[in-house]
Amino acid sequence: MKLIKKHFFRGTIELKTGLHIGGAKSSLDIGGLDSPVIKTAKGVPYIPGSSLKGKIRSLLAMQEGAKEIGEESDKLLRLFGCSDSGKEQKTRLIFRDALLDIDKFEEKFKNSELLATKYTEEKFENTIDRLSGKTKGGLRSIERVPAGAVFNFEIVLDEYDSDNIEENKKIMQEAFQLLENDYIGGSGTRGYGHVGIVIDKEEELKIG
């Protein structure tokens, strides 16, 4: 099996609702948020490639009715890879971290008084006791990247000489549609993580 091409999908992920992908709470968060979002070393929120890959694979598997990786169709196993004995496949996908478009963010949220930090908002939530109808446990502060923020992403699809590349591209298009109709990150059933996806460029690179 010979690698013959790399296909690049580049585009944007725009938040339709606030996004929360959890990160570690640092000792610097004095009196800060109970549940912070993941950020780079410079304090800028991003969407990990692992989160994108995991969510997209999960949605495609759900569409097939597969509960475990070993139950996925051969076409998904070929696309995402598999290490199970007898089903070994090389992954054909590379998901880069999706980075916040800082220029667009600062233009859109310039002088906003609704942000809790430079790049995030704070949302308060509580838990309701179903029997008494009263709140319990007190308010929790959830950090979110606000609706309207834009992230730049890149996904790389490897093509081997034995591949049906058009089938693989079709699966990726289906995956983007599934993600737009679902959510990414935490608390999606409570309205978080609704996104819009735009593919700006599709490029290919011949190998050898």
N, C-alpha and C. Protein backbone atom coordinates (compact mmCIF):
# COMPACT_ATOMS: atom_id res chain seq x y z
N MET A 1 0.86 -1.19 0.00
CA MET A 1 0.00 0.00 0.00
C MET A 1 0.89 1.24 0.00
N LYS A 2 0.72 2.07 -1.01
CA LYS A 2 1.60 3.22 -1.21
C LYS A 2 0.83 4.53 -1.04
N LEU A 3 1.41 5.46 -0.26
CA LEU A 3 0.83 6.78 -0.10
C LEU A 3 1.08 7.59 -1.37
N ILE A 4 0.01 8.10 -2.00
CA ILE A 4 0.18 8.80 -3.27
C ILE A 4 -0.21 10.28 -3.21
N LYS A 5 -1.13 10.65 -2.30
CA LYS A 5 -1.55 12.04 -2.22
C LYS A 5 -1.96 12.41 -0.79
N LYS A 6 -1.93 13.70 -0.52
CA LYS A 6 -2.51 14.26 0.70
C LYS A 6 -3.55 15.31 0.28
N HIS A 7 -4.72 15.21 0.85
CA HIS A 7 -5.80 16.16 0.55
C HIS A 7 -6.03 17.03 1.79
N PHE A 8 -6.09 18.34 1.58
CA PHE A 8 -6.22 19.29 2.68
C PHE A 8 -7.59 19.97 2.64
N PHE A 9 -8.31 19.86 3.74
CA PHE A 9 -9.56 20.58 3.91
C PHE A 9 -9.30 21.71 4.90
N ARG A 10 -9.42 22.95 4.42
CA ARG A 10 -9.18 24.10 5.30
C ARG A 10 -10.43 24.97 5.32
N GLY A 11 -10.77 25.45 6.50
CA GLY A 11 -11.96 26.28 6.60
C GLY A 11 -12.15 26.84 7.99
N THR A 12 -13.39 27.20 8.29
CA THR A 12 -13.69 27.84 9.57
C THR A 12 -14.81 27.12 10.29
N ILE A 13 -14.75 27.20 11.60
CA ILE A 13 -15.81 26.74 12.48
C ILE A 13 -16.31 27.97 13.22
N GLU A 14 -17.56 28.36 12.95
CA GLU A 14 -18.13 29.53 13.62
C GLU A 14 -19.11 29.07 14.70
N LEU A 15 -18.97 29.62 15.88
CA LEU A 15 -19.85 29.24 16.97
C LEU A 15 -21.21 29.92 16.83
N LYS A 16 -22.26 29.11 16.81
CA LYS A 16 -23.62 29.62 16.81
C LYS A 16 -24.12 29.81 18.25
N THR A 17 -23.59 29.01 19.15
CA THR A 17 -23.85 29.16 20.58
C THR A 17 -22.53 29.03 21.32
N GLY A 18 -22.51 29.38 22.60
CA GLY A 18 -21.27 29.31 23.38
C GLY A 18 -20.68 27.91 23.41
N LEU A 19 -19.35 27.84 23.42
CA LEU A 19 -18.63 26.57 23.38
C LEU A 19 -17.86 26.34 24.68
N HIS A 20 -18.01 25.12 25.23
CA HIS A 20 -17.20 24.76 26.40
C HIS A 20 -16.53 23.42 26.14
N ILE A 21 -15.20 23.47 25.98
CA ILE A 21 -14.37 22.26 25.98
C ILE A 21 -13.44 22.41 27.16
N GLY A 22 -13.62 21.56 28.15
CA GLY A 22 -12.98 21.75 29.44
C GLY A 22 -11.47 21.68 29.44
N GLY A 23 -10.87 22.54 30.27
CA GLY A 23 -9.44 22.54 30.48
C GLY A 23 -9.13 22.44 31.96
N ALA A 24 -7.87 22.45 32.31
CA ALA A 24 -7.46 22.34 33.70
C ALA A 24 -7.61 23.68 34.41
N LYS A 25 -8.09 23.62 35.63
CA LYS A 25 -8.20 24.83 36.46
C LYS A 25 -6.85 25.08 37.10
N SER A 26 -6.25 26.23 36.81
CA SER A 26 -4.92 26.53 37.33
C SER A 26 -5.00 27.28 38.64
N SER A 27 -3.86 27.33 39.30
CA SER A 27 -3.79 28.03 40.59
C SER A 27 -3.92 29.53 40.41
N LEU A 28 -3.84 30.02 39.16
CA LEU A 28 -3.95 31.44 38.91
C LEU A 28 -5.41 31.90 38.85
N ASP A 29 -6.34 30.92 38.79
CA ASP A 29 -7.76 31.25 38.69
C ASP A 29 -8.32 31.60 40.07
N ILE A 30 -7.77 32.61 40.70
CA ILE A 30 -8.19 33.00 42.03
C ILE A 30 -9.60 33.58 41.97
N GLY A 31 -10.51 32.96 42.71
CA GLY A 31 -11.89 33.40 42.68
C GLY A 31 -12.49 33.28 41.30
N GLY A 32 -11.91 32.41 40.49
CA GLY A 32 -12.30 32.33 39.10
C GLY A 32 -13.40 31.33 38.83
N LEU A 33 -13.44 30.88 37.59
CA LEU A 33 -14.51 30.03 37.10
C LEU A 33 -14.36 28.61 37.62
N ASP A 34 -15.51 27.96 37.89
CA ASP A 34 -15.48 26.58 38.36
C ASP A 34 -15.05 25.62 37.27
N SER A 35 -15.41 25.95 36.02
CA SER A 35 -15.16 25.04 34.91
C SER A 35 -14.58 25.82 33.73
N PRO A 36 -13.25 25.97 33.67
CA PRO A 36 -12.63 26.75 32.58
C PRO A 36 -12.55 25.97 31.27
N VAL A 37 -12.35 26.70 30.18
CA VAL A 37 -12.17 26.06 28.88
C VAL A 37 -10.68 25.81 28.65
N ILE A 38 -10.40 24.90 27.71
CA ILE A 38 -9.02 24.60 27.38
C ILE A 38 -8.42 25.76 26.59
N LYS A 39 -7.16 26.09 26.89
CA LYS A 39 -6.49 27.23 26.24
C LYS A 39 -5.06 26.85 25.90
N THR A 40 -4.48 27.62 24.98
CA THR A 40 -3.07 27.47 24.66
C THR A 40 -2.23 28.04 25.80
N ALA A 41 -0.91 27.89 25.67
CA ALA A 41 -0.01 28.44 26.68
C ALA A 41 -0.11 29.96 26.77
N LYS A 42 -0.64 30.59 25.72
CA LYS A 42 -0.80 32.05 25.72
C LYS A 42 -2.19 32.47 26.21
N GLY A 43 -2.98 31.50 26.66
CA GLY A 43 -4.29 31.83 27.21
C GLY A 43 -5.39 32.01 26.19
N VAL A 44 -5.20 31.47 24.98
CA VAL A 44 -6.19 31.62 23.92
C VAL A 44 -6.97 30.30 23.76
N PRO A 45 -8.30 30.33 23.82
CA PRO A 45 -9.08 29.09 23.64
C PRO A 45 -8.85 28.48 22.27
N TYR A 46 -8.95 27.16 22.19
CA TYR A 46 -8.85 26.45 20.91
C TYR A 46 -9.69 25.18 20.98
N ILE A 47 -9.91 24.58 19.83
CA ILE A 47 -10.62 23.31 19.75
C ILE A 47 -9.60 22.23 19.45
N PRO A 48 -9.35 21.32 20.38
CA PRO A 48 -8.33 20.28 20.14
C PRO A 48 -8.71 19.40 18.95
N GLY A 49 -7.70 19.03 18.17
CA GLY A 49 -7.94 18.12 17.06
C GLY A 49 -8.53 16.81 17.53
N SER A 50 -8.14 16.36 18.73
CA SER A 50 -8.67 15.12 19.27
C SER A 50 -10.17 15.21 19.53
N SER A 51 -10.64 16.39 19.93
CA SER A 51 -12.08 16.59 20.15
C SER A 51 -12.85 16.53 18.84
N LEU A 52 -12.29 17.16 17.80
CA LEU A 52 -12.92 17.11 16.48
C LEU A 52 -12.97 15.69 15.95
N LYS A 53 -11.84 15.00 16.02
CA LYS A 53 -11.77 13.64 15.49
C LYS A 53 -12.71 12.71 16.24
N GLY A 54 -12.69 12.79 17.57
CA GLY A 54 -13.53 11.91 18.37
C GLY A 54 -15.01 12.14 18.11
N LYS A 55 -15.41 13.40 18.02
CA LYS A 55 -16.83 13.70 17.80
C LYS A 55 -17.27 13.25 16.42
N ILE A 56 -16.47 13.54 15.41
CA ILE A 56 -16.84 13.18 14.04
C ILE A 56 -16.90 11.66 13.88
N ARG A 57 -15.93 10.96 14.45
CA ARG A 57 -15.96 9.49 14.36
C ARG A 57 -17.19 8.93 15.07
N SER A 58 -17.48 9.50 16.24
CA SER A 58 -18.63 9.05 17.01
C SER A 58 -19.94 9.25 16.25
N LEU A 59 -20.09 10.41 15.60
CA LEU A 59 -21.31 10.69 14.85
C LEU A 59 -21.47 9.75 13.66
N LEU A 60 -20.36 9.50 12.94
CA LEU A 60 -20.42 8.59 11.80
C LEU A 60 -20.74 7.17 12.26
N ALA A 61 -20.18 6.75 13.40
CA ALA A 61 -20.46 5.42 13.93
C ALA A 61 -21.92 5.30 14.37
N MET A 62 -22.44 6.35 14.99
CA MET A 62 -23.84 6.35 15.41
C MET A 62 -24.76 6.24 14.20
N GLN A 63 -24.37 6.89 13.11
CA GLN A 63 -25.16 6.83 11.89
C GLN A 63 -25.23 5.40 11.36
N GLU A 64 -24.15 4.65 11.58
CA GLU A 64 -24.11 3.25 11.15
C GLU A 64 -24.74 2.31 12.17
N GLY A 65 -24.93 2.79 13.40
CA GLY A 65 -25.45 1.92 14.45
C GLY A 65 -24.36 1.13 15.16
N ALA A 66 -23.09 1.54 14.99
CA ALA A 66 -21.98 0.83 15.64
C ALA A 66 -21.78 1.35 17.06
N LYS A 67 -21.70 0.43 18.02
CA LYS A 67 -21.51 0.81 19.42
C LYS A 67 -20.03 0.83 19.81
N GLU A 68 -19.24 -0.01 19.19
CA GLU A 68 -17.81 -0.10 19.49
C GLU A 68 -17.01 0.09 18.21
N ILE A 69 -15.71 0.43 18.37
CA ILE A 69 -14.85 0.62 17.21
C ILE A 69 -14.81 -0.62 16.33
N GLY A 70 -14.75 -1.80 16.94
CA GLY A 70 -14.70 -3.04 16.18
C GLY A 70 -15.95 -3.33 15.39
N GLU A 71 -17.05 -2.62 15.70
CA GLU A 71 -18.32 -2.83 15.00
C GLU A 71 -18.50 -1.87 13.82
N GLU A 72 -17.59 -0.94 13.67
CA GLU A 72 -17.71 0.02 12.58
C GLU A 72 -17.53 -0.66 11.23
N SER A 73 -18.07 -0.04 10.19
CA SER A 73 -17.93 -0.58 8.84
C SER A 73 -16.47 -0.53 8.41
N ASP A 74 -16.15 -1.32 7.41
CA ASP A 74 -14.77 -1.34 6.90
C ASP A 74 -14.34 0.03 6.40
N LYS A 75 -15.29 0.78 5.81
CA LYS A 75 -14.91 2.08 5.27
C LYS A 75 -14.54 3.06 6.38
N LEU A 76 -15.20 2.98 7.55
CA LEU A 76 -14.82 3.84 8.67
C LEU A 76 -13.51 3.39 9.28
N LEU A 77 -13.31 2.09 9.39
CA LEU A 77 -12.06 1.58 9.94
C LEU A 77 -10.88 1.98 9.06
N ARG A 78 -11.09 1.96 7.74
CA ARG A 78 -10.01 2.37 6.84
C ARG A 78 -9.74 3.86 6.99
N LEU A 79 -10.76 4.65 7.23
CA LEU A 79 -10.60 6.10 7.29
C LEU A 79 -9.95 6.54 8.60
N PHE A 80 -10.42 5.98 9.72
CA PHE A 80 -9.96 6.42 11.03
C PHE A 80 -8.88 5.52 11.64
N GLY A 81 -8.65 4.36 11.04
CA GLY A 81 -7.64 3.46 11.55
C GLY A 81 -8.19 2.51 12.59
N CYS A 82 -7.49 1.41 12.79
CA CYS A 82 -7.89 0.41 13.77
C CYS A 82 -6.67 -0.42 14.14
N SER A 83 -6.51 -0.69 15.44
CA SER A 83 -5.37 -1.49 15.90
C SER A 83 -5.79 -2.88 16.34
N ASP A 84 -7.09 -3.21 16.23
CA ASP A 84 -7.56 -4.54 16.63
C ASP A 84 -6.93 -5.61 15.76
N SER A 85 -6.56 -6.72 16.40
CA SER A 85 -5.95 -7.83 15.67
C SER A 85 -6.89 -8.33 14.58
N GLY A 86 -6.36 -8.46 13.39
CA GLY A 86 -7.15 -8.94 12.26
C GLY A 86 -7.86 -7.83 11.50
N LYS A 87 -7.91 -6.64 12.10
CA LYS A 87 -8.58 -5.51 11.45
C LYS A 87 -7.67 -4.29 11.35
N GLU A 88 -6.36 -4.51 11.47
CA GLU A 88 -5.43 -3.39 11.51
C GLU A 88 -5.56 -2.52 10.25
N GLN A 89 -5.65 -1.21 10.50
CA GLN A 89 -5.72 -0.24 9.41
C GLN A 89 -4.95 1.01 9.82
N LYS A 90 -4.25 1.60 8.85
CA LYS A 90 -3.59 2.88 9.09
C LYS A 90 -4.63 3.99 9.03
N THR A 91 -4.55 4.93 9.96
CA THR A 91 -5.46 6.06 9.87
C THR A 91 -5.12 6.91 8.65
N ARG A 92 -6.15 7.43 8.03
CA ARG A 92 -5.95 8.28 6.86
C ARG A 92 -6.24 9.74 7.17
N LEU A 93 -6.56 10.05 8.40
CA LEU A 93 -6.96 11.41 8.76
C LEU A 93 -6.05 12.03 9.81
N ILE A 94 -5.72 13.28 9.60
CA ILE A 94 -4.98 14.09 10.58
C ILE A 94 -5.85 15.30 10.91
N PHE A 95 -6.17 15.47 12.17
CA PHE A 95 -6.98 16.61 12.62
C PHE A 95 -6.07 17.58 13.37
N ARG A 96 -5.85 18.77 12.81
CA ARG A 96 -5.07 19.80 13.50
C ARG A 96 -5.94 20.46 14.57
N ASP A 97 -5.30 21.03 15.57
CA ASP A 97 -6.04 21.87 16.51
C ASP A 97 -6.64 23.05 15.76
N ALA A 98 -7.89 23.37 16.04
CA ALA A 98 -8.54 24.53 15.42
C ALA A 98 -8.28 25.75 16.29
N LEU A 99 -7.62 26.75 15.73
CA LEU A 99 -7.17 27.91 16.50
C LEU A 99 -8.12 29.10 16.34
N LEU A 100 -8.34 29.80 17.42
CA LEU A 100 -9.21 30.96 17.40
C LEU A 100 -8.66 32.03 16.47
N ASP A 101 -9.52 32.60 15.62
CA ASP A 101 -9.12 33.72 14.77
C ASP A 101 -9.17 34.97 15.64
N ILE A 102 -8.02 35.34 16.17
CA ILE A 102 -7.95 36.42 17.14
C ILE A 102 -8.35 37.76 16.52
N ASP A 103 -7.93 38.03 15.27
CA ASP A 103 -8.28 39.30 14.64
C ASP A 103 -9.79 39.46 14.51
N LYS A 104 -10.47 38.41 14.04
CA LYS A 104 -11.92 38.48 13.90
C LYS A 104 -12.59 38.63 15.27
N PHE A 105 -12.05 37.93 16.26
CA PHE A 105 -12.63 38.00 17.60
C PHE A 105 -12.54 39.41 18.16
N GLU A 106 -11.36 39.98 18.07
CA GLU A 106 -11.16 41.32 18.63
C GLU A 106 -11.98 42.36 17.89
N GLU A 107 -12.17 42.16 16.59
CA GLU A 107 -12.99 43.09 15.82
C GLU A 107 -14.46 42.98 16.24
N LYS A 108 -14.92 41.74 16.44
CA LYS A 108 -16.33 41.50 16.75
C LYS A 108 -16.67 41.87 18.19
N PHE A 109 -15.75 41.61 19.12
CA PHE A 109 -16.06 41.81 20.54
C PHE A 109 -15.29 42.99 21.15
N LYS A 110 -14.83 43.90 20.32
CA LYS A 110 -14.10 45.07 20.80
C LYS A 110 -14.93 45.85 21.81
N ASN A 111 -14.34 46.09 22.96
CA ASN A 111 -14.96 46.87 24.04
C ASN A 111 -16.24 46.22 24.60
N SER A 112 -16.39 44.91 24.39
CA SER A 112 -17.57 44.23 24.93
C SER A 112 -17.48 44.16 26.46
N GLU A 113 -18.57 44.54 27.11
CA GLU A 113 -18.62 44.48 28.57
C GLU A 113 -19.22 43.17 29.06
N LEU A 114 -19.57 42.28 28.12
CA LEU A 114 -20.20 41.02 28.49
C LEU A 114 -19.20 39.89 28.68
N LEU A 115 -17.94 40.12 28.30
CA LEU A 115 -16.93 39.08 28.44
C LEU A 115 -16.37 39.06 29.86
N ALA A 116 -16.12 37.84 30.34
CA ALA A 116 -15.54 37.68 31.68
C ALA A 116 -14.01 37.77 31.62
N THR A 117 -13.44 37.31 30.50
CA THR A 117 -12.00 37.41 30.27
C THR A 117 -11.80 37.96 28.85
N LYS A 118 -10.59 38.02 28.40
CA LYS A 118 -10.31 38.59 27.08
C LYS A 118 -11.02 37.84 25.97
N TYR A 119 -11.16 36.50 26.12
CA TYR A 119 -11.71 35.70 25.04
C TYR A 119 -12.93 34.86 25.42
N THR A 120 -13.41 34.98 26.65
CA THR A 120 -14.49 34.10 27.08
C THR A 120 -15.58 34.83 27.86
N GLU A 121 -16.74 34.18 27.94
CA GLU A 121 -17.84 34.66 28.74
C GLU A 121 -18.06 33.72 29.92
N GLU A 122 -18.86 34.17 30.88
CA GLU A 122 -19.16 33.36 32.06
C GLU A 122 -20.66 33.08 32.11
N LYS A 123 -20.99 31.80 32.26
CA LYS A 123 -22.40 31.41 32.34
C LYS A 123 -22.63 30.70 33.67
N PHE A 124 -23.67 31.10 34.39
CA PHE A 124 -23.97 30.49 35.68
C PHE A 124 -25.07 29.44 35.51
N GLU A 125 -24.86 28.30 36.14
CA GLU A 125 -25.83 27.21 36.09
C GLU A 125 -26.04 26.64 37.48
N ASN A 126 -27.21 26.04 37.67
CA ASN A 126 -27.46 25.34 38.92
C ASN A 126 -28.18 24.04 38.65
N THR A 127 -28.30 23.22 39.68
CA THR A 127 -28.98 21.93 39.58
C THR A 127 -30.29 22.01 40.33
N ILE A 128 -31.34 21.49 39.71
CA ILE A 128 -32.67 21.53 40.31
C ILE A 128 -33.02 20.16 40.89
N ASP A 129 -33.45 20.14 42.14
CA ASP A 129 -33.95 18.92 42.76
C ASP A 129 -35.34 18.63 42.17
N ARG A 130 -35.51 17.49 41.53
CA ARG A 130 -36.76 17.21 40.82
C ARG A 130 -37.94 17.02 41.76
N LEU A 131 -37.67 16.59 42.97
CA LEU A 131 -38.77 16.36 43.92
C LEU A 131 -39.26 17.66 44.54
N SER A 132 -38.31 18.49 44.98
CA SER A 132 -38.69 19.73 45.65
C SER A 132 -38.84 20.91 44.70
N GLY A 133 -38.21 20.80 43.53
CA GLY A 133 -38.22 21.90 42.59
C GLY A 133 -37.29 23.03 42.97
N LYS A 134 -36.44 22.80 43.99
CA LYS A 134 -35.52 23.84 44.47
C LYS A 134 -34.11 23.57 43.95
N THR A 135 -33.34 24.63 43.91
CA THR A 135 -31.94 24.47 43.50
C THR A 135 -31.15 23.78 44.59
N LYS A 136 -30.09 23.09 44.18
CA LYS A 136 -29.23 22.45 45.15
C LYS A 136 -27.78 22.58 44.71
N GLY A 137 -26.91 22.68 45.69
CA GLY A 137 -25.48 22.73 45.39
C GLY A 137 -24.94 24.09 45.03
N GLY A 138 -25.81 25.10 44.90
CA GLY A 138 -25.35 26.44 44.58
C GLY A 138 -25.03 26.62 43.11
N LEU A 139 -24.76 27.85 42.73
CA LEU A 139 -24.46 28.19 41.34
C LEU A 139 -23.04 27.76 40.97
N ARG A 140 -22.87 27.30 39.73
CA ARG A 140 -21.56 26.99 39.19
C ARG A 140 -21.31 27.92 38.02
N SER A 141 -20.08 28.42 37.93
CA SER A 141 -19.73 29.31 36.82
C SER A 141 -19.01 28.52 35.74
N ILE A 142 -19.57 28.55 34.54
CA ILE A 142 -19.03 27.82 33.40
C ILE A 142 -18.42 28.82 32.43
N GLU A 143 -17.18 28.58 32.05
CA GLU A 143 -16.52 29.45 31.07
C GLU A 143 -16.84 28.95 29.66
N ARG A 144 -17.18 29.86 28.77
CA ARG A 144 -17.50 29.51 27.39
C ARG A 144 -16.85 30.50 26.42
N VAL A 145 -16.50 30.00 25.25
CA VAL A 145 -16.14 30.90 24.16
C VAL A 145 -17.47 31.37 23.57
N PRO A 146 -17.68 32.67 23.41
CA PRO A 146 -19.01 33.17 23.04
C PRO A 146 -19.41 32.88 21.59
N ALA A 147 -20.72 32.85 21.38
CA ALA A 147 -21.26 32.71 20.03
C ALA A 147 -20.72 33.83 19.16
N GLY A 148 -20.37 33.50 17.92
CA GLY A 148 -19.81 34.47 17.00
C GLY A 148 -18.31 34.32 16.81
N ALA A 149 -17.65 33.63 17.75
CA ALA A 149 -16.21 33.39 17.61
C ALA A 149 -15.96 32.44 16.44
N VAL A 150 -14.81 32.60 15.79
CA VAL A 150 -14.46 31.80 14.61
C VAL A 150 -13.12 31.10 14.85
N PHE A 151 -13.07 29.81 14.53
CA PHE A 151 -11.83 29.04 14.63
C PHE A 151 -11.43 28.57 13.23
N ASN A 152 -10.13 28.60 12.96
CA ASN A 152 -9.60 28.11 11.68
C ASN A 152 -9.15 26.67 11.84
N PHE A 153 -9.56 25.80 10.92
CA PHE A 153 -9.20 24.38 11.07
C PHE A 153 -8.58 23.83 9.79
N GLU A 154 -7.87 22.74 9.96
CA GLU A 154 -7.31 22.00 8.83
C GLU A 154 -7.40 20.51 9.13
N ILE A 155 -7.93 19.77 8.17
CA ILE A 155 -7.98 18.31 8.25
C ILE A 155 -7.25 17.76 7.03
N VAL A 156 -6.38 16.80 7.25
CA VAL A 156 -5.59 16.21 6.17
C VAL A 156 -6.08 14.78 5.94
N LEU A 157 -6.38 14.47 4.70
CA LEU A 157 -6.83 13.13 4.32
C LEU A 157 -5.77 12.48 3.43
N ASP A 158 -5.17 11.40 3.92
CA ASP A 158 -4.17 10.68 3.14
C ASP A 158 -4.85 9.76 2.13
N GLU A 159 -4.27 9.68 0.95
CA GLU A 159 -4.79 8.78 -0.08
C GLU A 159 -3.72 7.75 -0.44
N TYR A 160 -4.08 6.47 -0.31
CA TYR A 160 -3.20 5.38 -0.71
C TYR A 160 -3.66 4.85 -2.07
N ASP A 161 -2.79 4.13 -2.75
CA ASP A 161 -3.09 3.69 -4.11
C ASP A 161 -4.28 2.73 -4.19
N SER A 162 -4.66 2.14 -3.07
CA SER A 162 -5.79 1.20 -3.06
C SER A 162 -7.10 1.87 -2.62
N ASP A 163 -7.07 3.17 -2.35
CA ASP A 163 -8.23 3.86 -1.77
C ASP A 163 -9.25 4.28 -2.83
N ASN A 164 -10.49 4.34 -2.37
CA ASN A 164 -11.56 5.00 -3.14
C ASN A 164 -11.66 6.41 -2.57
N ILE A 165 -10.92 7.34 -3.14
CA ILE A 165 -10.80 8.66 -2.55
C ILE A 165 -12.12 9.42 -2.59
N GLU A 166 -12.92 9.22 -3.63
CA GLU A 166 -14.20 9.91 -3.72
C GLU A 166 -15.15 9.46 -2.62
N GLU A 167 -15.10 8.18 -2.28
CA GLU A 167 -15.91 7.67 -1.17
C GLU A 167 -15.46 8.30 0.14
N ASN A 168 -14.15 8.38 0.34
CA ASN A 168 -13.62 8.97 1.57
C ASN A 168 -13.98 10.44 1.69
N LYS A 169 -13.92 11.17 0.58
CA LYS A 169 -14.30 12.58 0.59
C LYS A 169 -15.79 12.74 0.90
N LYS A 170 -16.60 11.85 0.35
CA LYS A 170 -18.03 11.90 0.60
C LYS A 170 -18.33 11.68 2.07
N ILE A 171 -17.61 10.76 2.69
CA ILE A 171 -17.80 10.50 4.12
C ILE A 171 -17.46 11.74 4.93
N MET A 172 -16.39 12.45 4.54
CA MET A 172 -16.01 13.66 5.26
C MET A 172 -17.08 14.74 5.12
N GLN A 173 -17.66 14.88 3.94
CA GLN A 173 -18.73 15.86 3.75
C GLN A 173 -19.93 15.50 4.63
N GLU A 174 -20.25 14.22 4.71
CA GLU A 174 -21.34 13.77 5.58
C GLU A 174 -21.02 14.10 7.03
N ALA A 175 -19.76 13.92 7.39
CA ALA A 175 -19.34 14.18 8.77
C ALA A 175 -19.53 15.64 9.15
N PHE A 176 -19.17 16.55 8.24
CA PHE A 176 -19.34 17.98 8.52
C PHE A 176 -20.82 18.32 8.72
N GLN A 177 -21.68 17.73 7.90
CA GLN A 177 -23.11 17.99 8.03
C GLN A 177 -23.64 17.44 9.36
N LEU A 178 -23.20 16.25 9.73
CA LEU A 178 -23.62 15.66 11.00
C LEU A 178 -23.21 16.54 12.17
N LEU A 179 -21.99 17.08 12.12
CA LEU A 179 -21.49 17.91 13.20
C LEU A 179 -22.28 19.21 13.29
N GLU A 180 -22.62 19.80 12.16
CA GLU A 180 -23.41 21.02 12.17
C GLU A 180 -24.79 20.79 12.79
N ASN A 181 -25.32 19.59 12.63
CA ASN A 181 -26.64 19.27 13.16
C ASN A 181 -26.58 18.69 14.57
N ASP A 182 -25.41 18.64 15.14
CA ASP A 182 -25.23 18.13 16.49
C ASP A 182 -24.55 19.21 17.33
N TYR A 183 -23.47 18.87 17.99
CA TYR A 183 -22.73 19.84 18.79
C TYR A 183 -21.33 19.30 19.07
N ILE A 184 -20.46 20.18 19.52
CA ILE A 184 -19.12 19.78 19.94
C ILE A 184 -18.87 20.34 21.32
N GLY A 185 -18.09 19.61 22.12
CA GLY A 185 -17.80 20.05 23.47
C GLY A 185 -18.84 19.56 24.46
N GLY A 186 -18.83 20.16 25.64
CA GLY A 186 -19.73 19.73 26.70
C GLY A 186 -21.06 20.45 26.67
N SER A 187 -22.04 19.85 27.36
CA SER A 187 -23.37 20.45 27.59
C SER A 187 -24.12 20.77 26.31
N GLY A 188 -23.91 19.96 25.29
CA GLY A 188 -24.59 20.19 24.03
C GLY A 188 -26.09 20.07 24.12
N THR A 189 -26.59 19.21 25.00
CA THR A 189 -28.04 19.06 25.14
C THR A 189 -28.66 20.25 25.87
N ARG A 190 -27.80 21.11 26.44
CA ARG A 190 -28.29 22.32 27.08
C ARG A 190 -28.01 23.56 26.23
N GLY A 191 -27.70 23.32 24.96
CA GLY A 191 -27.58 24.44 24.03
C GLY A 191 -26.17 24.85 23.66
N TYR A 192 -25.15 24.25 24.28
CA TYR A 192 -23.77 24.62 23.99
C TYR A 192 -23.30 23.96 22.67
N GLY A 193 -22.27 24.55 22.08
CA GLY A 193 -21.50 23.88 21.04
C GLY A 193 -22.12 23.71 19.68
N HIS A 194 -23.16 24.52 19.34
CA HIS A 194 -23.72 24.47 17.99
C HIS A 194 -22.79 25.24 17.06
N VAL A 195 -22.37 24.63 15.96
CA VAL A 195 -21.39 25.27 15.09
C VAL A 195 -21.84 25.27 13.64
N GLY A 196 -21.27 26.19 12.88
CA GLY A 196 -21.40 26.22 11.43
C GLY A 196 -20.03 26.01 10.81
N ILE A 197 -19.95 25.19 9.78
CA ILE A 197 -18.66 24.83 9.18
C ILE A 197 -18.63 25.27 7.73
N VAL A 198 -17.55 25.95 7.35
CA VAL A 198 -17.35 26.38 5.97
C VAL A 198 -15.98 25.88 5.50
N ILE A 199 -15.98 25.16 4.37
CA ILE A 199 -14.72 24.73 3.76
C ILE A 199 -14.30 25.80 2.76
N ASP A 200 -13.23 26.51 3.07
CA ASP A 200 -12.74 27.57 2.19
C ASP A 200 -11.86 27.04 1.07
N LYS A 201 -11.07 26.00 1.37
CA LYS A 201 -10.12 25.49 0.39
C LYS A 201 -10.03 23.97 0.48
N GLU A 202 -9.95 23.37 -0.69
CA GLU A 202 -9.60 21.95 -0.79
C GLU A 202 -8.40 21.86 -1.72
N GLU A 203 -7.29 21.37 -1.20
CA GLU A 203 -6.07 21.28 -1.98
C GLU A 203 -5.51 19.87 -1.88
N GLU A 204 -4.68 19.51 -2.86
CA GLU A 204 -4.05 18.19 -2.80
C GLU A 204 -2.58 18.30 -3.12
N LEU A 205 -1.82 17.39 -2.56
CA LEU A 205 -0.38 17.34 -2.74
C LEU A 205 0.02 15.94 -3.17
N LYS A 206 0.64 15.82 -4.34
CA LYS A 206 1.11 14.52 -4.81
C LYS A 206 2.37 14.12 -4.06
N ILE A 207 2.46 12.86 -3.71
CA ILE A 207 3.61 12.34 -2.98
C ILE A 207 4.48 11.56 -3.96
N GLY A 208 5.77 11.88 -4.00
CA GLY A 208 6.70 11.14 -4.85
C GLY A 208 6.66 11.59 -6.31
